[in-house]
Amino acid sequence: MKDKNLLDDIETKSLEELNALANRIIDNLDKKSNEDFIKDYQELIKLNNFIEKKLLKEKKLISKETKDKIDEITSNGKKIKKTFKKS
């Protein structure tokens, strides 16, 4: 994979793949000339920002799913209590 194409398919990568990509860029920074170092460092910053946004989306999704499950459980509990009181 060419360095210039590292972030082309970033949207389709998993968090694990993105982490591995970031680690590979970091490992290769020492081997670069100043110009290439700056380019790779900028790519690393873009990658970091993307990972951060993806993590925030995952966090929001998990929070929403958890809230929905809690609401479902509490609403089922209320239905059960009403059924017992009527009997």
Protein backbone atom coordinates (compact mmCIF):
# COMPACT_ATOMS: atom_id res chain seq x y z
CA MET A 1 0.00 0.00 0.00
CA LYS A 2 1.42 3.37 -0.99
CA ASP A 3 1.73 6.01 1.68
CA LYS A 4 -0.42 8.43 -0.32
CA ASN A 5 -3.31 5.97 -0.36
CA LEU A 6 -3.30 5.17 3.35
CA LEU A 7 -6.42 7.17 4.13
CA ASP A 8 -8.37 6.60 0.90
CA ASP A 9 -10.56 3.83 2.31
CA ILE A 10 -10.60 5.09 5.89
CA GLU A 11 -14.39 5.05 6.14
CA THR A 12 -14.58 1.29 5.68
CA LYS A 13 -11.90 0.32 8.21
CA SER A 14 -12.62 -0.99 11.68
CA LEU A 15 -11.18 0.67 14.77
CA GLU A 16 -8.63 -2.14 15.05
CA GLU A 17 -7.48 -1.58 11.46
CA LEU A 18 -7.27 2.17 12.04
CA ASN A 19 -5.21 1.60 15.17
CA ALA A 20 -2.83 -0.69 13.28
CA LEU A 21 -2.52 1.92 10.52
CA ALA A 22 -1.71 4.64 13.05
CA ASN A 23 0.92 2.42 14.66
CA ARG A 24 2.48 1.69 11.27
CA ILE A 25 2.68 5.41 10.47
CA ILE A 26 4.28 6.11 13.86
CA ASP A 27 6.82 3.33 13.37
CA ASN A 28 7.77 4.69 9.96
CA LEU A 29 8.14 8.33 11.03
CA ASP A 30 11.72 7.81 12.21
CA LYS A 31 12.75 6.54 8.79
CA LYS A 32 11.45 9.55 6.84
CA SER A 33 13.09 12.71 5.56
CA ASN A 34 11.79 16.01 6.92
CA GLU A 35 9.39 16.55 4.02
CA ASP A 36 8.01 13.01 4.17
CA PHE A 37 7.90 13.21 7.96
CA ILE A 38 5.66 16.28 7.80
CA LYS A 39 3.33 14.63 5.26
CA ASP A 40 3.07 11.44 7.29
CA TYR A 41 2.59 13.38 10.52
CA GLN A 42 -0.28 15.31 8.91
CA GLU A 43 -1.80 12.02 7.79
CA LEU A 44 -1.45 10.74 11.34
CA ILE A 45 -3.28 13.79 12.68
CA LYS A 46 -6.10 13.26 10.15
CA LEU A 47 -6.27 9.61 11.12
CA ASN A 48 -6.35 10.49 14.81
CA ASN A 49 -9.20 12.96 14.28
CA PHE A 50 -11.16 10.38 12.29
CA ILE A 51 -10.64 7.71 14.97
CA GLU A 52 -11.78 10.16 17.64
CA LYS A 53 -14.97 10.97 15.69
CA LYS A 54 -15.64 7.28 15.08
CA LEU A 55 -15.22 6.52 18.78
CA LEU A 56 -17.64 9.32 19.69
CA LYS A 57 -20.22 7.89 17.26
CA GLU A 58 -19.77 4.44 18.79
CA LYS A 59 -20.11 5.90 22.28
CA LYS A 60 -23.36 7.67 21.34
CA LEU A 61 -24.73 4.51 19.75
CA ILE A 62 -23.89 2.40 22.80
CA SER A 63 -25.41 5.02 25.12
CA LYS A 64 -28.61 5.15 23.06
CA GLU A 65 -28.92 1.37 22.91
CA THR A 66 -28.35 1.12 26.66
CA LYS A 67 -30.92 3.83 27.38
CA ASP A 68 -33.45 2.13 25.10
CA LYS A 69 -32.92 -1.21 26.88
CA ILE A 70 -33.28 0.42 30.30
CA ASP A 71 -36.47 2.17 29.17
CA GLU A 72 -37.83 -1.12 27.83
CA ILE A 73 -37.04 -2.95 31.06
CA THR A 74 -38.56 -0.25 33.27
CA SER A 75 -41.68 0.02 31.12
CA ASN A 76 -42.11 -3.78 31.26
CA GLY A 77 -41.73 -3.62 35.04
CA LYS A 78 -44.52 -1.06 35.26
CA LYS A 79 -46.80 -3.27 33.16
CA ILE A 80 -46.11 -6.26 35.42
CA LYS A 81 -46.85 -4.22 38.57
CA LYS A 82 -50.17 -3.04 37.11
CA THR A 83 -51.13 -6.63 36.25
CA PHE A 84 -50.43 -7.80 39.81
CA LYS A 85 -52.45 -4.96 41.35
CA LYS A 86 -55.51 -5.77 39.22
CA SER A 87 -55.59 -9.42 40.24
